[in-house]
N, C-alpha and C. Protein backbone atom coordinates (compact mmCIF):
# COMPACT_ATOMS: atom_id res chain seq x y z
N MET A 1 2.75 10.25 -16.11
CA MET A 1 2.72 9.23 -15.08
C MET A 1 1.54 9.44 -14.14
N ARG A 2 1.24 10.69 -13.85
CA ARG A 2 0.14 11.00 -12.93
C ARG A 2 -1.18 10.38 -13.40
N GLU A 3 -1.45 10.52 -14.69
CA GLU A 3 -2.70 9.96 -15.22
C GLU A 3 -2.70 8.43 -15.16
N ARG A 4 -1.57 7.83 -15.41
CA ARG A 4 -1.44 6.36 -15.32
C ARG A 4 -1.72 5.89 -13.90
N VAL A 5 -1.14 6.55 -12.91
CA VAL A 5 -1.37 6.21 -11.50
C VAL A 5 -2.84 6.38 -11.15
N ARG A 6 -3.42 7.51 -11.55
CA ARG A 6 -4.83 7.77 -11.25
C ARG A 6 -5.74 6.72 -11.89
N ARG A 7 -5.44 6.35 -13.14
CA ARG A 7 -6.26 5.36 -13.84
C ARG A 7 -6.21 4.00 -13.14
N ILE A 8 -5.01 3.54 -12.80
CA ILE A 8 -4.87 2.25 -12.12
C ILE A 8 -5.50 2.31 -10.74
N GLY A 9 -5.27 3.40 -10.01
CA GLY A 9 -5.85 3.55 -8.67
C GLY A 9 -7.37 3.54 -8.70
N GLN A 10 -7.96 4.26 -9.64
CA GLN A 10 -9.42 4.30 -9.71
C GLN A 10 -10.00 2.94 -10.10
N LYS A 11 -9.31 2.25 -10.99
CA LYS A 11 -9.76 0.90 -11.38
C LYS A 11 -9.73 -0.04 -10.17
N LEU A 12 -8.68 0.05 -9.37
CA LEU A 12 -8.60 -0.78 -8.16
C LEU A 12 -9.74 -0.46 -7.21
N ILE A 13 -10.00 0.82 -6.99
CA ILE A 13 -11.10 1.20 -6.09
C ILE A 13 -12.41 0.64 -6.62
N ASP A 14 -12.66 0.82 -7.90
CA ASP A 14 -13.92 0.35 -8.49
C ASP A 14 -14.09 -1.15 -8.37
N GLU A 15 -13.00 -1.91 -8.53
CA GLU A 15 -13.09 -3.37 -8.57
C GLU A 15 -12.92 -4.05 -7.21
N SER A 16 -12.17 -3.44 -6.29
CA SER A 16 -11.77 -4.19 -5.10
C SER A 16 -11.91 -3.46 -3.78
N PHE A 17 -12.33 -2.20 -3.80
CA PHE A 17 -12.37 -1.42 -2.56
C PHE A 17 -13.71 -0.72 -2.39
N PRO A 18 -14.79 -1.49 -2.19
CA PRO A 18 -16.10 -0.85 -2.06
C PRO A 18 -16.18 0.13 -0.89
N ILE A 19 -15.40 -0.08 0.16
CA ILE A 19 -15.41 0.82 1.31
C ILE A 19 -14.91 2.21 0.90
N LEU A 20 -14.07 2.27 -0.10
CA LEU A 20 -13.49 3.55 -0.53
C LEU A 20 -14.32 4.26 -1.59
N HIS A 21 -15.39 3.61 -2.08
CA HIS A 21 -16.25 4.27 -3.07
C HIS A 21 -16.81 5.55 -2.47
N GLY A 22 -16.76 6.60 -3.23
CA GLY A 22 -17.30 7.88 -2.78
C GLY A 22 -16.31 8.71 -1.98
N MET A 23 -15.19 8.13 -1.58
CA MET A 23 -14.17 8.90 -0.88
C MET A 23 -13.23 9.50 -1.93
N LYS A 24 -12.90 10.75 -1.75
CA LYS A 24 -11.96 11.40 -2.67
C LYS A 24 -10.54 11.08 -2.23
N ILE A 25 -9.85 10.31 -3.05
CA ILE A 25 -8.45 9.97 -2.77
C ILE A 25 -7.61 10.67 -3.84
N HIS A 26 -6.70 11.51 -3.40
CA HIS A 26 -5.82 12.23 -4.31
C HIS A 26 -4.58 11.38 -4.57
N PHE A 27 -4.36 11.07 -5.83
CA PHE A 27 -3.15 10.35 -6.23
C PHE A 27 -2.13 11.39 -6.69
N ILE A 28 -1.01 11.40 -6.01
CA ILE A 28 0.01 12.41 -6.27
C ILE A 28 1.32 11.71 -6.62
N VAL A 29 2.02 12.23 -7.61
CA VAL A 29 3.33 11.71 -7.99
C VAL A 29 4.36 12.78 -7.64
N LEU A 30 5.32 12.39 -6.80
CA LEU A 30 6.35 13.32 -6.33
C LEU A 30 7.71 12.64 -6.33
N ARG A 31 8.73 13.43 -6.21
CA ARG A 31 10.06 12.89 -5.94
C ARG A 31 10.02 12.42 -4.49
N PHE A 32 10.33 11.15 -4.26
CA PHE A 32 10.15 10.57 -2.94
C PHE A 32 11.14 9.42 -2.77
N ARG A 33 11.67 9.26 -1.58
CA ARG A 33 12.69 8.24 -1.33
C ARG A 33 12.15 6.82 -1.48
N PHE A 34 11.00 6.56 -0.86
CA PHE A 34 10.39 5.24 -0.94
C PHE A 34 9.43 5.19 -2.13
N PHE A 35 8.88 4.03 -2.42
CA PHE A 35 8.03 3.90 -3.58
C PHE A 35 6.68 4.57 -3.39
N ALA A 36 6.15 4.58 -2.14
CA ALA A 36 4.81 5.14 -1.95
C ALA A 36 4.54 5.42 -0.48
N LEU A 37 3.47 6.18 -0.26
CA LEU A 37 3.04 6.56 1.08
C LEU A 37 1.55 6.84 1.03
N SER A 38 0.85 6.47 2.09
CA SER A 38 -0.58 6.72 2.17
C SER A 38 -0.88 7.53 3.42
N VAL A 39 -1.67 8.59 3.26
CA VAL A 39 -1.96 9.50 4.37
C VAL A 39 -3.43 9.85 4.39
N TRP A 40 -3.98 9.94 5.58
CA TRP A 40 -5.33 10.46 5.78
C TRP A 40 -5.22 11.67 6.69
N ILE A 41 -5.77 12.78 6.27
CA ILE A 41 -5.89 13.96 7.12
C ILE A 41 -7.38 14.11 7.40
N PRO A 42 -7.81 13.61 8.59
CA PRO A 42 -9.24 13.60 8.88
C PRO A 42 -9.86 14.99 8.82
N PRO A 43 -11.11 15.06 8.43
CA PRO A 43 -11.98 13.92 8.17
C PRO A 43 -12.06 13.49 6.70
N PHE A 44 -11.64 14.35 5.75
CA PHE A 44 -11.94 14.05 4.35
C PHE A 44 -10.76 13.94 3.40
N ILE A 45 -9.58 14.38 3.78
CA ILE A 45 -8.47 14.47 2.83
C ILE A 45 -7.64 13.19 2.89
N ARG A 46 -7.54 12.52 1.76
CA ARG A 46 -6.79 11.28 1.65
C ARG A 46 -5.82 11.39 0.48
N PHE A 47 -4.57 10.98 0.73
CA PHE A 47 -3.53 11.03 -0.29
C PHE A 47 -2.88 9.66 -0.45
N VAL A 48 -2.60 9.31 -1.68
CA VAL A 48 -1.68 8.23 -1.99
C VAL A 48 -0.58 8.89 -2.81
N ILE A 49 0.61 8.89 -2.25
CA ILE A 49 1.75 9.54 -2.88
C ILE A 49 2.64 8.45 -3.48
N ILE A 50 2.90 8.58 -4.76
CA ILE A 50 3.72 7.62 -5.49
C ILE A 50 5.00 8.31 -5.93
N SER A 51 6.10 7.64 -5.76
CA SER A 51 7.39 8.20 -6.14
C SER A 51 7.59 8.19 -7.65
N ARG A 52 8.22 9.23 -8.14
CA ARG A 52 8.61 9.27 -9.55
C ARG A 52 9.58 8.14 -9.88
N ARG A 53 10.21 7.61 -8.85
CA ARG A 53 11.14 6.50 -9.06
C ARG A 53 10.45 5.27 -9.65
N THR A 54 9.12 5.22 -9.58
CA THR A 54 8.37 4.06 -10.07
C THR A 54 7.93 4.22 -11.53
N ARG A 55 8.33 5.30 -12.17
CA ARG A 55 7.80 5.61 -13.51
C ARG A 55 8.07 4.52 -14.54
N ASN A 56 9.13 3.75 -14.37
CA ASN A 56 9.44 2.69 -15.34
C ASN A 56 8.94 1.32 -14.89
N PHE A 57 8.23 1.27 -13.79
CA PHE A 57 7.67 0.00 -13.32
C PHE A 57 6.53 -0.42 -14.23
N SER A 58 6.35 -1.72 -14.36
CA SER A 58 5.23 -2.25 -15.15
C SER A 58 3.91 -1.91 -14.46
N ASP A 59 2.83 -1.99 -15.22
CA ASP A 59 1.51 -1.76 -14.64
C ASP A 59 1.22 -2.78 -13.54
N GLU A 60 1.75 -4.01 -13.68
CA GLU A 60 1.52 -5.04 -12.68
C GLU A 60 2.15 -4.65 -11.34
N VAL A 61 3.36 -4.14 -11.38
CA VAL A 61 4.04 -3.72 -10.15
C VAL A 61 3.37 -2.47 -9.59
N LEU A 62 3.03 -1.53 -10.45
CA LEU A 62 2.35 -0.32 -9.99
C LEU A 62 1.00 -0.67 -9.36
N THR A 63 0.34 -1.67 -9.90
CA THR A 63 -0.91 -2.16 -9.30
C THR A 63 -0.65 -2.68 -7.89
N GLY A 64 0.46 -3.40 -7.71
CA GLY A 64 0.81 -3.89 -6.38
C GLY A 64 1.04 -2.77 -5.38
N ILE A 65 1.74 -1.73 -5.82
CA ILE A 65 1.98 -0.58 -4.94
C ILE A 65 0.66 0.08 -4.57
N LEU A 66 -0.15 0.36 -5.57
CA LEU A 66 -1.42 1.07 -5.32
C LEU A 66 -2.39 0.22 -4.51
N ALA A 67 -2.44 -1.08 -4.77
CA ALA A 67 -3.31 -1.95 -3.97
C ALA A 67 -2.88 -1.91 -2.51
N HIS A 68 -1.60 -1.99 -2.25
CA HIS A 68 -1.08 -1.93 -0.87
C HIS A 68 -1.48 -0.60 -0.23
N GLU A 69 -1.27 0.50 -0.93
CA GLU A 69 -1.59 1.81 -0.36
C GLU A 69 -3.08 2.00 -0.15
N LEU A 70 -3.90 1.48 -1.04
CA LEU A 70 -5.35 1.56 -0.86
C LEU A 70 -5.81 0.67 0.29
N CYS A 71 -5.10 -0.42 0.53
CA CYS A 71 -5.41 -1.24 1.71
C CYS A 71 -5.14 -0.44 2.99
N HIS A 72 -4.08 0.37 2.99
CA HIS A 72 -3.87 1.28 4.14
C HIS A 72 -5.08 2.17 4.31
N GLN A 73 -5.55 2.77 3.23
CA GLN A 73 -6.70 3.68 3.31
C GLN A 73 -7.94 2.95 3.83
N GLU A 74 -8.14 1.72 3.39
CA GLU A 74 -9.28 0.94 3.88
C GLU A 74 -9.14 0.68 5.38
N ARG A 75 -7.93 0.34 5.80
CA ARG A 75 -7.69 0.09 7.23
C ARG A 75 -7.91 1.38 8.04
N TYR A 76 -7.44 2.52 7.52
CA TYR A 76 -7.63 3.79 8.22
C TYR A 76 -9.11 4.10 8.38
N SER A 77 -9.88 3.84 7.34
CA SER A 77 -11.31 4.19 7.40
C SER A 77 -12.03 3.39 8.48
N GLY A 78 -11.53 2.22 8.82
CA GLY A 78 -12.14 1.42 9.88
C GLY A 78 -11.73 1.85 11.28
N MET A 79 -10.76 2.73 11.39
CA MET A 79 -10.26 3.16 12.70
C MET A 79 -11.07 4.32 13.28
N GLY A 80 -11.73 5.09 12.45
CA GLY A 80 -12.35 6.31 12.92
C GLY A 80 -11.28 7.36 13.19
N ILE A 81 -11.70 8.59 13.35
CA ILE A 81 -10.74 9.69 13.50
C ILE A 81 -9.89 9.53 14.76
N GLY A 82 -10.52 9.29 15.90
CA GLY A 82 -9.77 9.15 17.16
C GLY A 82 -8.80 7.97 17.12
N GLY A 83 -9.27 6.85 16.62
CA GLY A 83 -8.42 5.67 16.51
C GLY A 83 -7.25 5.90 15.57
N TYR A 84 -7.52 6.61 14.48
CA TYR A 84 -6.45 6.90 13.52
C TYR A 84 -5.41 7.82 14.13
N MET A 85 -5.84 8.83 14.88
CA MET A 85 -4.88 9.75 15.49
C MET A 85 -3.99 9.01 16.49
N LYS A 86 -4.55 8.10 17.26
CA LYS A 86 -3.75 7.29 18.18
C LYS A 86 -2.79 6.39 17.39
N PHE A 87 -3.30 5.82 16.31
CA PHE A 87 -2.49 4.96 15.46
C PHE A 87 -1.29 5.73 14.91
N VAL A 88 -1.50 6.95 14.41
CA VAL A 88 -0.41 7.75 13.85
C VAL A 88 0.68 7.98 14.90
N ALA A 89 0.27 8.28 16.12
CA ALA A 89 1.26 8.49 17.19
C ALA A 89 2.06 7.21 17.44
N ARG A 90 1.36 6.08 17.52
CA ARG A 90 2.06 4.80 17.74
C ARG A 90 2.94 4.44 16.55
N TYR A 91 2.45 4.66 15.33
CA TYR A 91 3.20 4.34 14.12
C TYR A 91 4.49 5.15 14.07
N THR A 92 4.41 6.40 14.46
CA THR A 92 5.57 7.29 14.44
C THR A 92 6.63 6.87 15.45
N LEU A 93 6.18 6.37 16.60
CA LEU A 93 7.09 6.09 17.71
C LEU A 93 7.54 4.64 17.84
N SER A 94 6.82 3.72 17.22
CA SER A 94 7.07 2.31 17.48
C SER A 94 7.32 1.51 16.21
N ASN A 95 8.49 0.91 16.10
CA ASN A 95 8.77 0.05 14.96
C ASN A 95 7.85 -1.17 14.96
N LYS A 96 7.47 -1.67 16.13
CA LYS A 96 6.55 -2.80 16.20
C LYS A 96 5.21 -2.44 15.56
N THR A 97 4.71 -1.23 15.85
CA THR A 97 3.45 -0.79 15.25
C THR A 97 3.60 -0.67 13.74
N ARG A 98 4.72 -0.11 13.27
CA ARG A 98 4.95 -0.01 11.82
C ARG A 98 4.97 -1.40 11.18
N THR A 99 5.69 -2.31 11.80
CA THR A 99 5.77 -3.67 11.26
C THR A 99 4.40 -4.34 11.25
N ASP A 100 3.67 -4.23 12.35
CA ASP A 100 2.33 -4.82 12.41
C ASP A 100 1.42 -4.26 11.33
N GLU A 101 1.47 -2.94 11.14
CA GLU A 101 0.62 -2.30 10.12
C GLU A 101 1.01 -2.73 8.72
N GLU A 102 2.28 -2.72 8.41
CA GLU A 102 2.70 -3.08 7.04
C GLU A 102 2.42 -4.54 6.73
N ARG A 103 2.63 -5.41 7.69
CA ARG A 103 2.35 -6.83 7.45
C ARG A 103 0.85 -7.10 7.33
N ALA A 104 0.05 -6.42 8.15
CA ALA A 104 -1.40 -6.57 8.05
C ALA A 104 -1.90 -6.02 6.71
N THR A 105 -1.29 -4.95 6.26
CA THR A 105 -1.67 -4.37 4.97
C THR A 105 -1.24 -5.28 3.83
N ASP A 106 -0.06 -5.87 3.92
CA ASP A 106 0.35 -6.86 2.91
C ASP A 106 -0.64 -8.02 2.88
N THR A 107 -1.04 -8.49 4.04
CA THR A 107 -1.98 -9.61 4.12
C THR A 107 -3.31 -9.25 3.46
N LEU A 108 -3.82 -8.06 3.75
CA LEU A 108 -5.07 -7.61 3.13
C LEU A 108 -4.91 -7.48 1.62
N THR A 109 -3.78 -6.99 1.18
CA THR A 109 -3.50 -6.87 -0.26
C THR A 109 -3.58 -8.24 -0.93
N ILE A 110 -3.02 -9.25 -0.30
CA ILE A 110 -3.07 -10.62 -0.82
C ILE A 110 -4.51 -11.12 -0.82
N GLU A 111 -5.24 -10.90 0.26
CA GLU A 111 -6.62 -11.38 0.37
C GLU A 111 -7.52 -10.75 -0.68
N LYS A 112 -7.17 -9.56 -1.13
CA LYS A 112 -7.95 -8.90 -2.18
C LYS A 112 -7.56 -9.41 -3.57
N GLY A 113 -6.55 -10.28 -3.64
CA GLY A 113 -6.19 -10.89 -4.92
C GLY A 113 -4.98 -10.28 -5.62
N TYR A 114 -4.19 -9.49 -4.90
CA TYR A 114 -3.05 -8.82 -5.52
C TYR A 114 -1.71 -9.37 -5.02
N GLY A 115 -1.69 -10.64 -4.65
CA GLY A 115 -0.48 -11.26 -4.15
C GLY A 115 0.65 -11.30 -5.17
N ARG A 116 0.34 -11.65 -6.40
CA ARG A 116 1.39 -11.69 -7.44
C ARG A 116 1.98 -10.31 -7.67
N ASN A 117 1.12 -9.29 -7.68
CA ASN A 117 1.59 -7.92 -7.86
C ASN A 117 2.49 -7.50 -6.70
N LEU A 118 2.06 -7.84 -5.50
CA LEU A 118 2.84 -7.51 -4.30
C LEU A 118 4.17 -8.26 -4.30
N TYR A 119 4.12 -9.50 -4.74
CA TYR A 119 5.34 -10.31 -4.84
C TYR A 119 6.36 -9.64 -5.76
N GLU A 120 5.92 -9.23 -6.95
CA GLU A 120 6.83 -8.57 -7.90
C GLU A 120 7.36 -7.26 -7.33
N LEU A 121 6.51 -6.51 -6.65
CA LEU A 121 6.93 -5.27 -6.01
C LEU A 121 7.99 -5.54 -4.94
N THR A 122 7.77 -6.57 -4.15
CA THR A 122 8.69 -6.88 -3.06
C THR A 122 10.05 -7.32 -3.59
N LEU A 123 10.07 -8.02 -4.70
CA LEU A 123 11.36 -8.37 -5.32
C LEU A 123 12.14 -7.11 -5.67
N LEU A 124 11.47 -6.10 -6.18
CA LEU A 124 12.13 -4.84 -6.50
C LEU A 124 12.57 -4.12 -5.23
N SER A 125 11.72 -4.11 -4.22
CA SER A 125 12.04 -3.44 -2.96
C SER A 125 13.28 -4.04 -2.32
N GLN A 126 13.39 -5.35 -2.40
CA GLN A 126 14.52 -6.01 -1.75
C GLN A 126 15.85 -5.66 -2.41
N ASN A 127 15.80 -5.18 -3.63
CA ASN A 127 17.02 -4.80 -4.34
C ASN A 127 17.21 -3.29 -4.40
N ASP A 128 16.41 -2.56 -3.64
CA ASP A 128 16.47 -1.11 -3.65
C ASP A 128 17.15 -0.60 -2.38
N LYS A 129 18.22 0.14 -2.52
CA LYS A 129 18.99 0.60 -1.36
C LYS A 129 18.16 1.46 -0.42
N ASN A 130 17.18 2.19 -0.92
CA ASN A 130 16.34 3.04 -0.06
C ASN A 130 15.40 2.24 0.83
N HIS A 131 15.18 0.98 0.50
CA HIS A 131 14.26 0.15 1.27
C HIS A 131 14.95 -0.77 2.27
N LYS A 132 16.27 -0.83 2.24
CA LYS A 132 17.00 -1.76 3.12
C LYS A 132 16.62 -1.60 4.58
N SER A 133 16.42 -0.38 5.05
CA SER A 133 16.15 -0.14 6.46
C SER A 133 14.73 -0.52 6.88
N ILE A 134 13.82 -0.72 5.92
CA ILE A 134 12.43 -1.02 6.27
C ILE A 134 11.95 -2.38 5.78
N LEU A 135 12.80 -3.15 5.14
CA LEU A 135 12.38 -4.43 4.58
C LEU A 135 11.76 -5.37 5.61
N ASP A 136 12.27 -5.35 6.83
CA ASP A 136 11.76 -6.26 7.85
C ASP A 136 10.33 -5.93 8.27
N ASN A 137 9.84 -4.76 7.90
CA ASN A 137 8.46 -4.39 8.25
C ASN A 137 7.44 -5.09 7.36
N TYR A 138 7.86 -5.64 6.25
CA TYR A 138 6.95 -6.20 5.25
C TYR A 138 7.10 -7.71 5.15
N LEU A 139 6.11 -8.35 4.56
CA LEU A 139 6.22 -9.78 4.26
C LEU A 139 7.32 -9.98 3.21
N THR A 140 8.01 -11.09 3.30
CA THR A 140 9.02 -11.43 2.31
C THR A 140 8.33 -11.99 1.05
N PRO A 141 9.05 -12.04 -0.07
CA PRO A 141 8.44 -12.66 -1.26
C PRO A 141 7.96 -14.08 -0.99
N GLU A 142 8.73 -14.84 -0.23
CA GLU A 142 8.34 -16.22 0.07
C GLU A 142 7.05 -16.26 0.92
N GLU A 143 6.96 -15.37 1.90
CA GLU A 143 5.75 -15.31 2.73
C GLU A 143 4.54 -14.90 1.91
N ILE A 144 4.73 -13.97 0.98
CA ILE A 144 3.64 -13.52 0.11
C ILE A 144 3.15 -14.69 -0.74
N LYS A 145 4.08 -15.39 -1.37
CA LYS A 145 3.70 -16.50 -2.24
C LYS A 145 3.03 -17.62 -1.45
N THR A 146 3.60 -17.97 -0.30
CA THR A 146 3.05 -19.05 0.52
C THR A 146 1.63 -18.72 0.97
N TYR A 147 1.42 -17.51 1.48
CA TYR A 147 0.08 -17.13 1.96
C TYR A 147 -0.89 -17.05 0.78
N SER A 148 -0.47 -16.46 -0.33
CA SER A 148 -1.34 -16.37 -1.51
C SER A 148 -1.80 -17.75 -1.96
N MET A 149 -0.86 -18.69 -2.01
CA MET A 149 -1.20 -20.04 -2.43
C MET A 149 -2.12 -20.72 -1.41
N SER A 150 -1.87 -20.48 -0.12
CA SER A 150 -2.66 -21.14 0.93
C SER A 150 -4.13 -20.72 0.92
N ILE A 151 -4.42 -19.51 0.41
CA ILE A 151 -5.81 -19.06 0.36
C ILE A 151 -6.37 -19.10 -1.07
N GLY A 152 -5.61 -19.71 -1.98
CA GLY A 152 -6.08 -19.87 -3.36
C GLY A 152 -6.09 -18.59 -4.16
N LYS A 153 -5.19 -17.66 -3.85
CA LYS A 153 -5.16 -16.39 -4.56
C LYS A 153 -3.86 -16.19 -5.33
N TRP A 154 -3.18 -17.27 -5.69
CA TRP A 154 -1.95 -17.16 -6.44
C TRP A 154 -2.27 -17.36 -7.90
């Protein structure tokens, strides 16, 4: 699974994330409650952690997860180290900040052309008991489809 995640992640970077070219992003597969997590440890260490729970997901859904997580990395790179450290503190303490970040990341994922992938991922998330407490932080499947169609990316 690790090689599959790395292959899809690198393809996404090459095709859709020019800001991330040249940055070393470690793709790690671990036992994890949620489907994925993205972390930057400034100045150079970047991780995208994917749950083993996703091992039976299609490549299309895995692409949606990885595109979303790489959008986090792109957003982090625009914050600079000081801005990112402030962001982490706010993200940890504020549900509003978490919601704003996840929705902005979903929006960027759609704008990069991965709306259908994100839509399929969100359908799975909505039926996953581990995601019930965080579903409101993300766009709904209907919001994803509507926005994707409105910008011609469906």
